[in-house]
Amino acid sequence: MFKTTLAAAALTMAFLQPVFAEDAMKADVKCDEASMMKMQTEMDAMTDPAMKDKKDMAKNEMDMAKESMKADKKDDCMMHMDGAMKAMSKG
């Protein structure tokens, strides 16, 4: 009985872990110059030709995020930065 409960708890935690990790990543996304620079550095590090499409998608999202930041549209900026992050991490 104890083994079954322990196994169920372990299985539940395995499925919840990615949800918590994604929320933590979103919490780190800020629409500020430092976050933009960090993400730009990560994009510049994508040198593999196979990643060109991902990099282009991320660059487009970052360009829109920069425009939103200039227009003081924080929600739009964060949405586009999140989109850039997702584009870079697509497997």
N, C-alpha and C. Protein backbone atom coordinates (compact mmCIF):
# COMPACT_ATOMS: atom_id res chain seq x y z
N MET A 1 0.83 -1.20 0.00
CA MET A 1 0.00 0.00 0.00
C MET A 1 0.87 1.26 0.00
N PHE A 2 1.90 1.24 0.85
CA PHE A 2 2.80 2.39 0.95
C PHE A 2 3.55 2.61 -0.36
N LYS A 3 3.98 1.52 -1.00
CA LYS A 3 4.71 1.62 -2.26
C LYS A 3 3.84 2.22 -3.35
N THR A 4 2.58 1.85 -3.38
CA THR A 4 1.65 2.37 -4.37
C THR A 4 1.44 3.87 -4.18
N THR A 5 1.28 4.29 -2.94
CA THR A 5 1.09 5.71 -2.64
C THR A 5 2.34 6.49 -3.00
N LEU A 6 3.49 5.95 -2.67
CA LEU A 6 4.75 6.61 -2.98
C LEU A 6 4.95 6.71 -4.49
N ALA A 7 4.63 5.67 -5.21
CA ALA A 7 4.76 5.68 -6.67
C ALA A 7 3.80 6.70 -7.29
N ALA A 8 2.59 6.79 -6.78
CA ALA A 8 1.61 7.76 -7.29
C ALA A 8 2.10 9.19 -7.03
N ALA A 9 2.65 9.43 -5.87
CA ALA A 9 3.17 10.76 -5.54
C ALA A 9 4.34 11.12 -6.45
N ALA A 10 5.23 10.18 -6.70
CA ALA A 10 6.37 10.43 -7.58
C ALA A 10 5.92 10.73 -9.00
N LEU A 11 4.94 9.99 -9.47
CA LEU A 11 4.41 10.21 -10.81
C LEU A 11 3.75 11.58 -10.92
N THR A 12 3.01 11.96 -9.91
CA THR A 12 2.37 13.28 -9.90
C THR A 12 3.41 14.39 -9.95
N MET A 13 4.46 14.27 -9.18
CA MET A 13 5.52 15.28 -9.15
C MET A 13 6.23 15.36 -10.51
N ALA A 14 6.37 14.24 -11.18
CA ALA A 14 7.02 14.23 -12.49
C ALA A 14 6.23 15.05 -13.50
N PHE A 15 4.90 15.00 -13.40
CA PHE A 15 4.06 15.77 -14.32
C PHE A 15 3.94 17.23 -13.92
N LEU A 16 4.06 17.55 -12.66
CA LEU A 16 3.93 18.93 -12.20
C LEU A 16 5.22 19.73 -12.39
N GLN A 17 6.36 19.08 -12.39
CA GLN A 17 7.64 19.78 -12.49
C GLN A 17 7.73 20.71 -13.70
N PRO A 18 7.38 20.27 -14.92
CA PRO A 18 7.48 21.17 -16.07
C PRO A 18 6.57 22.40 -15.94
N VAL A 19 5.42 22.25 -15.32
CA VAL A 19 4.52 23.38 -15.13
C VAL A 19 5.17 24.43 -14.25
N PHE A 20 5.78 24.01 -13.16
CA PHE A 20 6.45 24.95 -12.27
C PHE A 20 7.64 25.61 -12.96
N ALA A 21 8.37 24.88 -13.76
CA ALA A 21 9.53 25.42 -14.47
C ALA A 21 9.10 26.48 -15.47
N GLU A 22 8.00 26.23 -16.17
CA GLU A 22 7.50 27.21 -17.15
C GLU A 22 7.05 28.48 -16.45
N ASP A 23 6.35 28.35 -15.31
CA ASP A 23 5.92 29.52 -14.56
C ASP A 23 7.12 30.31 -14.07
N ALA A 24 8.16 29.63 -13.65
CA ALA A 24 9.37 30.32 -13.17
C ALA A 24 10.03 31.09 -14.30
N MET A 25 10.03 30.51 -15.51
CA MET A 25 10.62 31.21 -16.65
C MET A 25 9.82 32.45 -16.98
N LYS A 26 8.50 32.35 -16.94
CA LYS A 26 7.67 33.51 -17.23
C LYS A 26 7.87 34.60 -16.19
N ALA A 27 8.09 34.22 -14.94
CA ALA A 27 8.30 35.20 -13.89
C ALA A 27 9.60 35.97 -14.11
N ASP A 28 10.58 35.35 -14.77
CA ASP A 28 11.86 35.99 -15.02
C ASP A 28 11.81 36.95 -16.20
N VAL A 29 10.80 36.85 -17.04
CA VAL A 29 10.70 37.71 -18.21
C VAL A 29 10.23 39.09 -17.77
N LYS A 30 11.08 40.06 -18.05
CA LYS A 30 10.73 41.45 -17.73
C LYS A 30 10.95 42.28 -18.97
N CYS A 31 10.17 43.28 -19.12
CA CYS A 31 10.31 44.17 -20.26
C CYS A 31 11.24 45.32 -19.84
N ASP A 32 12.52 45.02 -19.80
CA ASP A 32 13.51 46.05 -19.48
C ASP A 32 14.75 45.83 -20.34
N GLU A 33 15.63 46.81 -20.33
CA GLU A 33 16.81 46.77 -21.18
C GLU A 33 17.71 45.57 -20.87
N ALA A 34 17.86 45.25 -19.59
CA ALA A 34 18.73 44.14 -19.20
C ALA A 34 18.20 42.81 -19.73
N SER A 35 16.90 42.59 -19.63
CA SER A 35 16.31 41.35 -20.14
C SER A 35 16.42 41.27 -21.65
N MET A 36 16.25 42.41 -22.30
CA MET A 36 16.38 42.44 -23.76
C MET A 36 17.80 42.10 -24.18
N MET A 37 18.78 42.66 -23.48
CA MET A 37 20.18 42.39 -23.80
C MET A 37 20.51 40.92 -23.58
N LYS A 38 20.01 40.35 -22.49
CA LYS A 38 20.27 38.95 -22.19
C LYS A 38 19.69 38.05 -23.28
N MET A 39 18.46 38.34 -23.69
CA MET A 39 17.82 37.52 -24.70
C MET A 39 18.52 37.71 -26.05
N GLN A 40 18.97 38.91 -26.34
CA GLN A 40 19.69 39.16 -27.59
C GLN A 40 21.00 38.37 -27.61
N THR A 41 21.68 38.31 -26.48
CA THR A 41 22.92 37.53 -26.37
C THR A 41 22.65 36.06 -26.62
N GLU A 42 21.54 35.55 -26.06
CA GLU A 42 21.17 34.15 -26.27
C GLU A 42 20.85 33.89 -27.75
N MET A 43 20.19 34.85 -28.40
CA MET A 43 19.88 34.69 -29.83
C MET A 43 21.15 34.71 -30.65
N ASP A 44 22.07 35.60 -30.32
CA ASP A 44 23.33 35.70 -31.07
C ASP A 44 24.15 34.42 -30.94
N ALA A 45 23.97 33.69 -29.84
CA ALA A 45 24.70 32.45 -29.63
C ALA A 45 24.15 31.30 -30.47
N MET A 46 23.01 31.50 -31.08
CA MET A 46 22.40 30.47 -31.93
C MET A 46 23.06 30.52 -33.30
N THR A 47 24.18 29.82 -33.45
CA THR A 47 24.95 29.89 -34.70
C THR A 47 24.74 28.68 -35.61
N ASP A 48 24.11 27.65 -35.12
CA ASP A 48 23.87 26.45 -35.92
C ASP A 48 22.91 26.78 -37.06
N PRO A 49 23.29 26.48 -38.31
CA PRO A 49 22.40 26.78 -39.45
C PRO A 49 21.02 26.11 -39.32
N ALA A 50 20.95 25.00 -38.62
CA ALA A 50 19.66 24.33 -38.44
C ALA A 50 18.72 25.15 -37.56
N MET A 51 19.25 26.10 -36.81
CA MET A 51 18.45 26.93 -35.90
C MET A 51 18.01 28.24 -36.55
N LYS A 52 18.30 28.42 -37.84
CA LYS A 52 18.02 29.70 -38.49
C LYS A 52 16.55 30.11 -38.37
N ASP A 53 15.63 29.17 -38.61
CA ASP A 53 14.21 29.50 -38.53
C ASP A 53 13.82 29.94 -37.11
N LYS A 54 14.32 29.20 -36.12
CA LYS A 54 14.02 29.57 -34.72
C LYS A 54 14.56 30.96 -34.41
N LYS A 55 15.79 31.20 -34.86
CA LYS A 55 16.43 32.49 -34.59
C LYS A 55 15.65 33.62 -35.28
N ASP A 56 15.22 33.40 -36.52
CA ASP A 56 14.45 34.42 -37.24
C ASP A 56 13.13 34.72 -36.53
N MET A 57 12.44 33.65 -36.08
CA MET A 57 11.18 33.86 -35.36
C MET A 57 11.42 34.63 -34.07
N ALA A 58 12.47 34.26 -33.35
CA ALA A 58 12.79 34.94 -32.09
C ALA A 58 13.16 36.41 -32.36
N LYS A 59 13.91 36.65 -33.43
CA LYS A 59 14.30 38.03 -33.77
C LYS A 59 13.08 38.89 -34.08
N ASN A 60 12.13 38.32 -34.82
CA ASN A 60 10.90 39.07 -35.13
C ASN A 60 10.14 39.41 -33.85
N GLU A 61 10.04 38.44 -32.94
CA GLU A 61 9.35 38.69 -31.67
C GLU A 61 10.08 39.76 -30.86
N MET A 62 11.42 39.69 -30.86
CA MET A 62 12.20 40.69 -30.11
C MET A 62 12.04 42.08 -30.70
N ASP A 63 11.99 42.17 -32.03
CA ASP A 63 11.77 43.48 -32.66
C ASP A 63 10.43 44.07 -32.24
N MET A 64 9.41 43.22 -32.20
CA MET A 64 8.09 43.70 -31.75
C MET A 64 8.11 44.06 -30.27
N ALA A 65 8.87 43.31 -29.48
CA ALA A 65 8.99 43.62 -28.05
C ALA A 65 9.66 44.98 -27.85
N LYS A 66 10.70 45.25 -28.63
CA LYS A 66 11.39 46.54 -28.53
C LYS A 66 10.47 47.69 -28.90
N GLU A 67 9.68 47.50 -29.95
CA GLU A 67 8.72 48.54 -30.35
C GLU A 67 7.67 48.76 -29.25
N SER A 68 7.21 47.67 -28.66
CA SER A 68 6.23 47.79 -27.58
C SER A 68 6.83 48.50 -26.37
N MET A 69 8.09 48.21 -26.08
CA MET A 69 8.74 48.87 -24.94
C MET A 69 8.86 50.37 -25.20
N LYS A 70 9.21 50.75 -26.43
CA LYS A 70 9.32 52.17 -26.77
C LYS A 70 7.97 52.87 -26.64
N ALA A 71 6.89 52.14 -26.96
CA ALA A 71 5.55 52.70 -26.89
C ALA A 71 4.95 52.58 -25.48
N ASP A 72 5.75 52.08 -24.54
CA ASP A 72 5.35 51.91 -23.15
C ASP A 72 4.14 50.97 -23.01
N LYS A 73 4.14 49.92 -23.81
CA LYS A 73 3.10 48.89 -23.76
C LYS A 73 3.72 47.64 -23.13
N LYS A 74 3.78 47.64 -21.80
CA LYS A 74 4.47 46.58 -21.06
C LYS A 74 3.88 45.19 -21.31
N ASP A 75 2.56 45.08 -21.34
CA ASP A 75 1.93 43.77 -21.55
C ASP A 75 2.29 43.20 -22.92
N ASP A 76 2.22 44.05 -23.95
CA ASP A 76 2.59 43.60 -25.30
C ASP A 76 4.06 43.21 -25.35
N CYS A 77 4.89 44.01 -24.71
CA CYS A 77 6.32 43.75 -24.68
C CYS A 77 6.61 42.38 -24.05
N MET A 78 6.00 42.13 -22.91
CA MET A 78 6.22 40.86 -22.23
C MET A 78 5.69 39.69 -23.06
N MET A 79 4.57 39.90 -23.75
CA MET A 79 4.01 38.85 -24.59
C MET A 79 4.99 38.50 -25.71
N HIS A 80 5.58 39.52 -26.34
CA HIS A 80 6.53 39.27 -27.43
C HIS A 80 7.84 38.67 -26.92
N MET A 81 8.27 39.09 -25.75
CA MET A 81 9.49 38.49 -25.19
C MET A 81 9.24 37.02 -24.86
N ASP A 82 8.07 36.71 -24.35
CA ASP A 82 7.71 35.32 -24.07
C ASP A 82 7.68 34.53 -25.38
N GLY A 83 7.15 35.15 -26.43
CA GLY A 83 7.13 34.50 -27.74
C GLY A 83 8.53 34.23 -28.26
N ALA A 84 9.44 35.17 -28.04
CA ALA A 84 10.83 34.99 -28.46
C ALA A 84 11.48 33.84 -27.70
N MET A 85 11.19 33.79 -26.41
CA MET A 85 11.76 32.72 -25.59
C MET A 85 11.24 31.35 -26.05
N LYS A 86 9.96 31.29 -26.36
CA LYS A 86 9.38 30.04 -26.83
C LYS A 86 9.95 29.65 -28.20
N ALA A 87 10.15 30.64 -29.07
CA ALA A 87 10.70 30.36 -30.39
C ALA A 87 12.11 29.79 -30.27
N MET A 88 12.89 30.31 -29.34
CA MET A 88 14.27 29.84 -29.18
C MET A 88 14.32 28.45 -28.56
N SER A 89 13.30 28.09 -27.77
CA SER A 89 13.36 26.82 -27.07
C SER A 89 12.61 25.68 -27.75
N LYS A 90 11.94 25.97 -28.85
CA LYS A 90 11.20 24.90 -29.53
C LYS A 90 12.15 23.82 -29.97
N GLY A 91 11.78 22.58 -29.62
CA GLY A 91 12.63 21.45 -29.94
C GLY A 91 12.33 20.86 -31.23
